[in-house]
Amino acid sequence: MRPSPVISAIGTGALAFGLTLSVAPSAGAATVPTEPVAQDDATMQEALERDFGLTPFEAEELLDAQAEAFELDEAATDVAGEAYAGSVFDTDTLELTVLVTDASVVSKVEATGAEAEMVTHGTEGLAEIMAELDAVGAQPGVVGWYPDIETDTVVIEATDATGAQSLIESAGVDASAVEVETTDEQPRLYADIVGGDAYHMGGGRCSIGFAVTGGFVTAGHCGTVGTTAQSADGSGSGTFQQSIFPGNDAAFVSATSNWTVTNLVNMYSAGGTQTVGGSSQAPVGSAVCRSGSTTGWHCGTIQARGQTVSYPEGTVQDLTRTSVCAEPGDSGGSFISGDQAQGVTSGGSGNCSTGGTTYYQEVNPMLNSWNLTLVT
């Protein structure tokens, strides 16, 4: 399967400048519970039943079809070669569609069992448009932009369409390849309260993303290099060895004492856990679930990859957009599809009462850039 874009700001040279942001609880932070909030769902299947409105049979069928699509996507991507333009999984029809930019490979892709669809720009063409917009940067009223491979356009989200038009004109991109969507929501970072399994850093708290040999990965806005971290019960300790924010939102915390790594994700259901079996990237459209102690275990779908988000604290690139809800305190927590690790919670908008949009930083670029090994 084609990997996600390499985290743009991770690397020895990129980290040399360090960070200027110090994370601390905001004045309006919600009250932190002593223990994580208990949930009544015990498995990923049950969470899908609740969040997708499925019967037990339908939820099981979705998980099986999605696992099969992961394998099918790898084969289809290989035969598509340079013409590969992204993959989309439909949770309603349970079909995988592989997008291509060359008509000559359509029959080869369909021979693998996947549907094939021609597009003009594809992932590479949309990435070029994204790069032009990124070079201009945040504009008043613009909250973010992302490549929508299904419509073969770049979508700009803005509270004010004037700001979006200013960004398009300043970047000099083809307006026909861009869609502007107005929104009342403003993305914010999910920090200060624990998400996933809790850890403390100075005056704030965040959550463990995924265990790696020697520690864990989490969100970069949770701490700068050298920041100390402590487990929820105070017995384990660690230190931020790598951290980048803004630009990206990723960090590696090394466990210095009494922190034992596992291949588990907390589902907040009276001790229920999901095992981690690997980190194969799920196609756009796939079901994905998130762990966080503020709101527990919630699921949704992957909507787009490579989104740029303009937070008040700074702009972050290469985030993955999802329909999963989250709230302040869920930062750093695990995003997982089946048993495959996807990424760590960055931020978003909305809440788990009315729904929302949440972004995560892909896990594979962190593993590759920092030579980390996921615990499976």
Protein backbone atom coordinates (compact mmCIF):
# COMPACT_ATOMS: atom_id res chain seq x y z
CA MET A 1 0.00 0.00 0.00
CA ARG A 2 1.31 3.44 -0.86
CA PRO A 3 2.56 5.21 2.30
CA SER A 4 1.24 8.56 3.42
CA PRO A 5 3.40 11.64 2.80
CA VAL A 6 6.50 11.85 4.99
CA ILE A 7 6.00 14.22 7.90
CA SER A 8 7.41 17.40 6.43
CA ALA A 9 9.03 18.81 9.54
CA ILE A 10 10.40 15.66 11.17
CA GLY A 11 14.11 14.96 10.96
CA THR A 12 17.36 15.91 12.61
CA GLY A 13 17.70 19.19 10.78
CA ALA A 14 14.06 20.18 11.09
CA LEU A 15 14.07 19.67 14.84
CA ALA A 16 17.16 21.79 15.42
CA PHE A 17 15.14 24.98 15.92
CA GLY A 18 13.05 23.34 18.68
CA LEU A 19 9.63 24.65 19.75
CA THR A 20 8.48 27.89 21.32
CA LEU A 21 5.05 26.68 22.39
CA SER A 22 4.66 25.60 26.01
CA VAL A 23 1.57 23.55 26.74
CA ALA A 24 -0.39 24.27 29.90
CA PRO A 25 -4.05 23.99 30.86
CA SER A 26 -6.12 26.88 29.56
CA ALA A 27 -8.20 28.97 31.93
CA GLY A 28 -11.32 27.39 30.51
CA ALA A 29 -10.17 23.79 30.72
CA ALA A 30 -12.81 21.31 31.79
CA THR A 31 -12.57 19.59 35.16
CA VAL A 32 -10.28 16.58 34.89
CA PRO A 33 -11.75 13.32 36.19
CA THR A 34 -9.58 11.28 38.54
CA GLU A 35 -10.25 8.14 36.50
CA PRO A 36 -10.98 7.79 32.78
CA VAL A 37 -14.65 7.94 31.86
CA ALA A 38 -16.13 4.43 31.70
CA GLN A 39 -17.90 3.42 28.48
CA ASP A 40 -20.46 0.69 27.86
CA ASP A 41 -18.95 -0.65 24.60
CA ALA A 42 -16.61 -3.62 24.88
CA THR A 43 -15.49 -4.21 21.30
CA MET A 44 -14.84 -2.35 18.08
CA GLN A 45 -17.83 -4.14 16.57
CA GLU A 46 -20.12 -2.81 19.30
CA ALA A 47 -18.73 0.70 18.86
CA LEU A 48 -19.52 0.51 15.14
CA GLU A 49 -23.04 -0.67 15.95
CA ARG A 50 -23.52 2.39 18.14
CA ASP A 51 -21.81 5.06 16.01
CA PHE A 52 -22.87 3.77 12.57
CA GLY A 53 -26.34 2.53 13.58
CA LEU A 54 -25.57 -1.04 12.44
CA THR A 55 -26.90 -4.42 13.50
CA PRO A 56 -24.35 -6.89 14.94
CA PHE A 57 -24.31 -8.75 11.61
CA GLU A 58 -23.79 -5.52 9.63
CA ALA A 59 -20.94 -4.41 11.90
CA GLU A 60 -19.21 -7.77 11.58
CA GLU A 61 -19.72 -7.69 7.82
CA LEU A 62 -18.16 -4.20 7.65
CA LEU A 63 -15.07 -5.24 9.60
CA ASP A 64 -14.57 -8.33 7.44
CA ALA A 65 -15.05 -6.39 4.20
CA GLN A 66 -12.68 -3.68 5.32
CA ALA A 67 -9.97 -6.17 6.25
CA GLU A 68 -10.34 -7.74 2.80
CA ALA A 69 -10.17 -4.29 1.20
CA PHE A 70 -6.83 -3.61 2.89
CA GLU A 71 -5.29 -6.60 1.12
CA LEU A 72 -7.06 -5.86 -2.15
CA ASP A 73 -5.82 -2.27 -2.06
CA GLU A 74 -2.21 -3.39 -1.88
CA ALA A 75 -2.58 -5.53 -5.01
CA ALA A 76 -4.50 -2.83 -6.93
CA THR A 77 -1.98 -0.15 -5.96
CA ASP A 78 0.87 -2.30 -7.26
CA VAL A 79 -0.68 -2.89 -10.69
CA ALA A 80 -1.72 0.77 -11.02
CA GLY A 81 1.89 1.86 -10.59
CA GLU A 82 2.58 5.54 -11.35
CA ALA A 83 -1.06 5.98 -12.38
CA TYR A 84 -2.28 5.28 -8.82
CA ALA A 85 -4.29 8.29 -7.59
CA GLY A 86 -5.71 7.12 -4.26
CA SER A 87 -8.20 4.59 -2.87
CA VAL A 88 -11.70 4.97 -1.45
CA PHE A 89 -13.63 2.41 0.62
CA ASP A 90 -17.42 2.78 0.84
CA THR A 91 -18.81 1.64 4.21
CA ASP A 92 -22.31 1.38 2.72
CA THR A 93 -21.59 -0.72 -0.39
CA LEU A 94 -18.45 -2.31 1.13
CA GLU A 95 -16.67 -1.71 -2.19
CA LEU A 96 -13.12 -0.48 -2.77
CA THR A 97 -12.54 2.00 -5.61
CA VAL A 98 -9.01 2.68 -6.83
CA LEU A 99 -8.53 6.01 -8.60
CA VAL A 100 -6.14 6.17 -11.57
CA THR A 101 -4.89 8.81 -13.99
CA ASP A 102 -4.21 6.47 -16.91
CA ALA A 103 -6.99 4.60 -18.76
CA SER A 104 -4.60 1.83 -19.75
CA VAL A 105 -4.41 0.48 -16.19
CA VAL A 106 -8.17 0.41 -15.53
CA SER A 107 -8.56 -3.20 -16.66
CA LYS A 108 -5.52 -4.27 -14.61
CA VAL A 109 -6.95 -2.72 -11.47
CA GLU A 110 -10.38 -4.25 -12.05
CA ALA A 111 -8.73 -7.65 -12.54
CA THR A 112 -7.67 -7.53 -8.87
CA GLY A 113 -11.32 -7.27 -7.82
CA ALA A 114 -11.39 -3.54 -7.08
CA GLU A 115 -13.43 -0.93 -8.90
CA ALA A 116 -11.42 1.57 -10.98
CA GLU A 117 -12.22 5.21 -11.69
CA MET A 118 -10.41 7.77 -13.85
CA VAL A 119 -9.47 11.18 -12.39
CA THR A 120 -7.56 14.14 -13.80
CA HIS A 121 -5.39 15.41 -10.95
CA GLY A 122 -5.00 12.44 -8.64
CA THR A 123 -3.00 12.50 -5.42
CA GLU A 124 0.10 14.01 -7.04
CA GLY A 125 -1.79 16.75 -8.86
CA LEU A 126 -3.77 17.65 -5.74
CA ALA A 127 -0.55 17.61 -3.70
CA GLU A 128 0.90 20.24 -6.03
CA ILE A 129 -2.14 22.46 -5.47
CA MET A 130 -1.86 21.88 -1.71
CA ALA A 131 1.82 22.91 -1.83
CA GLU A 132 0.93 26.18 -3.57
CA LEU A 133 -1.71 26.95 -0.93
CA ASP A 134 0.65 25.94 1.89
CA ALA A 135 3.28 28.31 0.52
CA VAL A 136 0.85 31.22 0.94
CA GLY A 137 -0.29 30.05 4.37
CA ALA A 138 -3.21 30.90 6.63
CA GLN A 139 -5.54 33.75 5.65
CA PRO A 140 -8.18 35.53 7.76
CA GLY A 141 -11.35 33.46 7.83
CA VAL A 142 -9.71 30.30 6.41
CA VAL A 143 -9.64 27.34 8.80
CA GLY A 144 -8.01 24.71 6.58
CA TRP A 145 -7.70 22.99 3.21
CA TYR A 146 -7.46 19.38 2.14
CA PRO A 147 -7.30 17.19 -1.00
CA ASP A 148 -10.60 15.42 -1.70
CA ILE A 149 -9.60 12.51 -3.91
CA GLU A 150 -13.22 11.49 -4.52
CA THR A 151 -14.10 14.81 -6.19
CA ASP A 152 -10.54 15.30 -7.49
CA THR A 153 -10.42 18.80 -6.01
CA VAL A 154 -8.84 20.66 -3.11
CA VAL A 155 -11.44 21.84 -0.59
CA ILE A 156 -10.88 25.09 1.29
CA GLU A 157 -12.93 25.48 4.48
CA ALA A 158 -13.55 29.04 5.58
CA THR A 159 -15.80 31.07 7.82
CA ASP A 160 -15.51 33.84 5.24
CA ALA A 161 -15.48 33.07 1.50
CA THR A 162 -13.53 36.27 0.88
CA GLY A 163 -10.54 34.85 2.72
CA ALA A 164 -10.74 31.66 0.66
CA GLN A 165 -10.79 33.60 -2.61
CA SER A 166 -7.82 35.65 -1.42
CA LEU A 167 -5.90 32.43 -0.73
CA ILE A 168 -6.74 31.03 -4.19
CA GLU A 169 -5.68 34.22 -5.93
CA SER A 170 -2.50 34.62 -3.90
CA ALA A 171 -1.50 31.01 -4.60
CA GLY A 172 -2.30 31.36 -8.31
CA VAL A 173 -3.93 27.92 -8.49
CA ASP A 174 -6.58 26.82 -10.98
CA ALA A 175 -9.88 27.89 -9.40
CA SER A 176 -11.72 25.06 -11.18
CA ALA A 177 -9.69 22.54 -9.17
CA VAL A 178 -10.71 24.13 -5.86
CA GLU A 179 -13.98 24.03 -3.93
CA VAL A 180 -14.81 26.50 -1.15
CA GLU A 181 -16.98 25.32 1.73
CA THR A 182 -18.19 27.72 4.42
CA THR A 183 -18.22 26.55 8.02
CA ASP A 184 -19.01 27.96 11.45
CA GLU A 185 -16.54 25.66 13.19
CA GLN A 186 -13.00 26.58 14.22
CA PRO A 187 -10.58 23.67 14.81
CA ARG A 188 -8.86 23.63 18.19
CA LEU A 189 -6.22 21.46 19.79
CA TYR A 190 -7.34 18.70 22.18
CA ALA A 191 -4.94 19.08 25.10
CA ASP A 192 -4.80 19.54 28.88
CA ILE A 193 -7.18 16.65 29.70
CA VAL A 194 -6.17 13.05 29.10
CA GLY A 195 -7.12 11.17 25.94
CA GLY A 196 -6.38 7.46 25.63
CA ASP A 197 -4.31 6.40 28.65
CA ALA A 198 -3.35 9.45 30.66
CA TYR A 199 0.07 10.95 31.15
CA HIS A 200 1.02 14.23 32.78
CA MET A 201 3.46 16.82 31.43
CA GLY A 202 4.05 19.80 33.69
CA GLY A 203 0.72 21.48 34.31
CA GLY A 204 -1.18 19.61 31.61
CA ARG A 205 -2.19 16.11 30.58
CA CYS A 206 -2.43 14.28 27.26
CA SER A 207 -2.74 10.67 26.10
CA ILE A 208 -0.60 7.86 24.82
CA GLY A 209 -0.98 7.22 21.12
CA PHE A 210 0.76 3.91 20.40
CA ALA A 211 3.51 2.03 22.20
CA VAL A 212 6.82 1.77 20.37
CA THR A 213 9.98 0.04 21.52
CA GLY A 214 11.26 2.19 24.37
CA GLY A 215 8.22 4.45 24.78
CA PHE A 216 5.26 5.83 22.82
CA VAL A 217 4.20 8.31 20.15
CA THR A 218 1.77 11.11 20.84
CA ALA A 219 0.85 14.64 19.74
CA GLY A 220 3.63 17.21 19.40
CA HIS A 221 1.65 20.04 20.96
CA CYS A 222 1.62 18.12 24.23
CA GLY A 223 5.27 18.89 25.00
CA THR A 224 8.60 20.17 23.69
CA VAL A 225 11.85 18.19 23.54
CA GLY A 226 13.00 17.64 27.12
CA THR A 227 9.54 17.89 28.67
CA THR A 228 9.04 15.27 31.37
CA ALA A 229 6.05 12.92 31.26
CA GLN A 230 4.52 10.82 34.01
CA SER A 231 2.00 7.98 33.94
CA ALA A 232 -1.48 8.51 35.37
CA ASP A 233 -0.69 6.72 38.61
CA GLY A 234 2.66 8.48 38.97
CA SER A 235 4.72 5.28 38.91
CA GLY A 236 6.12 5.60 35.38
CA SER A 237 8.17 8.41 33.93
CA GLY A 238 9.50 9.48 30.56
CA THR A 239 10.92 12.34 28.48
CA PHE A 240 9.99 13.91 25.17
CA GLN A 241 12.88 12.95 22.89
CA GLN A 242 11.30 14.21 19.65
CA SER A 243 8.58 16.82 19.18
CA ILE A 244 7.35 19.05 16.40
CA PHE A 245 4.51 21.60 16.48
CA PRO A 246 3.38 23.57 14.55
CA GLY A 247 4.12 22.42 11.00
CA ASN A 248 3.24 18.90 12.13
CA ASP A 249 1.85 17.54 15.38
CA ALA A 250 3.98 14.56 16.41
CA ALA A 251 6.17 13.49 19.31
CA PHE A 252 8.08 10.52 20.74
CA VAL A 253 8.29 10.02 24.50
CA SER A 254 10.93 7.62 25.81
CA ALA A 255 10.00 5.61 28.90
CA THR A 256 12.77 6.15 31.44
CA SER A 257 11.41 4.05 34.32
CA ASN A 258 8.53 1.77 35.31
CA TRP A 259 6.57 2.13 32.06
CA THR A 260 5.92 -1.19 30.38
CA VAL A 261 4.91 -1.08 26.73
CA THR A 262 2.02 -3.20 25.43
CA ASN A 263 0.30 -3.76 22.06
CA LEU A 264 -3.05 -2.55 23.43
CA VAL A 265 -5.41 0.40 22.96
CA ASN A 266 -7.80 1.28 25.80
CA MET A 267 -11.46 1.09 24.75
CA TYR A 268 -12.74 2.42 28.09
CA SER A 269 -15.20 -0.40 28.62
CA ALA A 270 -14.51 -1.91 32.03
CA GLY A 271 -10.99 -2.90 31.00
CA GLY A 272 -11.71 -3.73 27.34
CA THR A 273 -8.77 -3.32 24.96
CA GLN A 274 -8.02 -3.55 21.23
CA THR A 275 -4.79 -5.22 20.19
CA VAL A 276 -2.48 -3.56 17.67
CA GLY A 277 -1.39 -5.87 14.85
CA GLY A 278 0.40 -3.45 12.52
CA SER A 279 0.15 -0.06 10.85
CA SER A 280 -1.17 -0.66 7.32
CA GLN A 281 -2.75 2.55 6.09
CA ALA A 282 -6.54 2.32 5.70
CA PRO A 283 -8.10 3.64 2.47
CA VAL A 284 -10.10 6.85 2.51
CA GLY A 285 -13.68 5.99 3.50
CA SER A 286 -12.66 3.23 5.90
CA ALA A 287 -14.13 2.99 9.39
CA VAL A 288 -11.73 4.16 12.09
CA CYS A 289 -12.03 4.39 15.89
CA ARG A 290 -10.44 6.73 18.41
CA SER A 291 -9.57 6.28 22.07
CA GLY A 292 -9.71 9.19 24.53
CA SER A 293 -10.54 9.52 28.21
CA THR A 294 -12.66 12.63 27.80
CA THR A 295 -15.13 11.02 25.44
CA GLY A 296 -14.15 7.36 25.45
CA TRP A 297 -14.19 5.14 22.37
CA HIS A 298 -15.82 6.58 19.23
CA CYS A 299 -15.82 5.62 15.56
CA GLY A 300 -16.36 7.29 12.19
CA THR A 301 -14.79 7.29 8.73
CA ILE A 302 -11.59 8.59 7.15
CA GLN A 303 -12.59 11.52 4.92
CA ALA A 304 -9.31 12.81 3.46
CA ARG A 305 -5.54 12.74 3.86
CA GLY A 306 -3.02 15.54 3.63
CA GLN A 307 -5.18 18.29 5.17
CA THR A 308 -3.66 21.57 6.28
CA VAL A 309 -5.34 22.91 9.44
CA SER A 310 -4.99 26.45 10.74
CA TYR A 311 -5.16 26.25 14.54
CA PRO A 312 -4.95 29.46 16.60
CA GLU A 313 -1.60 28.14 17.89
CA GLY A 314 -0.18 27.53 14.40
CA THR A 315 -0.74 25.79 11.08
CA VAL A 316 -0.27 22.01 10.81
CA GLN A 317 0.12 20.10 7.54
CA ASP A 318 -0.38 16.47 6.45
CA LEU A 319 -3.22 15.69 8.87
CA THR A 320 -5.88 13.06 8.18
CA ARG A 321 -9.48 14.25 8.37
CA THR A 322 -12.17 12.04 9.99
CA SER A 323 -15.83 12.17 10.99
CA VAL A 324 -14.97 10.81 14.46
CA CYS A 325 -15.97 13.10 17.30
CA ALA A 326 -13.57 14.28 20.00
CA GLU A 327 -13.33 16.95 22.68
CA PRO A 328 -10.58 18.80 24.57
CA GLY A 329 -8.48 16.28 26.42
CA ASP A 330 -8.45 13.63 23.69
CA SER A 331 -5.12 14.86 22.22
CA GLY A 332 -2.46 12.30 21.42
CA GLY A 333 -4.89 9.37 21.65
CA SER A 334 -4.97 6.39 19.30
CA PHE A 335 -6.72 6.19 15.94
CA ILE A 336 -7.03 2.56 14.84
CA SER A 337 -8.81 0.74 12.00
CA GLY A 338 -9.38 -2.95 12.71
CA ASP A 339 -6.12 -3.86 14.44
CA GLN A 340 -4.04 -1.48 12.29
CA ALA A 341 -2.63 1.67 13.94
CA GLN A 342 -3.41 4.81 11.92
CA GLY A 343 -2.34 7.88 13.88
CA VAL A 344 -2.53 10.10 16.97
CA THR A 345 -5.23 12.67 17.69
CA SER A 346 -4.30 16.26 16.89
CA GLY A 347 -7.42 18.45 17.17
CA GLY A 348 -10.72 19.29 15.53
CA SER A 349 -14.08 20.94 15.93
CA GLY A 350 -17.51 19.99 17.25
CA ASN A 351 -18.11 17.55 20.09
CA CYS A 352 -19.44 14.09 20.87
CA SER A 353 -22.97 15.33 21.60
CA THR A 354 -23.68 16.87 18.20
CA GLY A 355 -20.81 15.36 16.17
CA GLY A 356 -17.71 16.90 14.73
CA THR A 357 -14.53 16.64 12.69
CA THR A 358 -11.26 15.36 14.15
CA TYR A 359 -7.78 15.23 12.63
CA TYR A 360 -4.93 12.83 13.32
CA GLN A 361 -1.24 12.76 12.47
CA GLU A 362 -0.34 9.58 10.59
CA VAL A 363 1.75 7.14 12.64
CA ASN A 364 3.90 5.56 9.88
CA PRO A 365 5.85 8.74 9.05
CA MET A 366 6.73 9.07 12.74
CA LEU A 367 7.97 5.48 12.86
CA ASN A 368 9.98 5.88 9.67
CA SER A 369 11.42 9.33 10.38
CA TRP A 370 12.51 8.52 13.91
CA ASN A 371 13.44 4.84 13.35
CA LEU A 372 10.82 3.65 15.85
CA THR A 373 9.30 0.17 16.00
CA LEU A 374 5.59 -0.21 16.71
CA VAL A 375 4.81 -2.70 19.47
CA THR A 376 2.52 -5.41 18.02
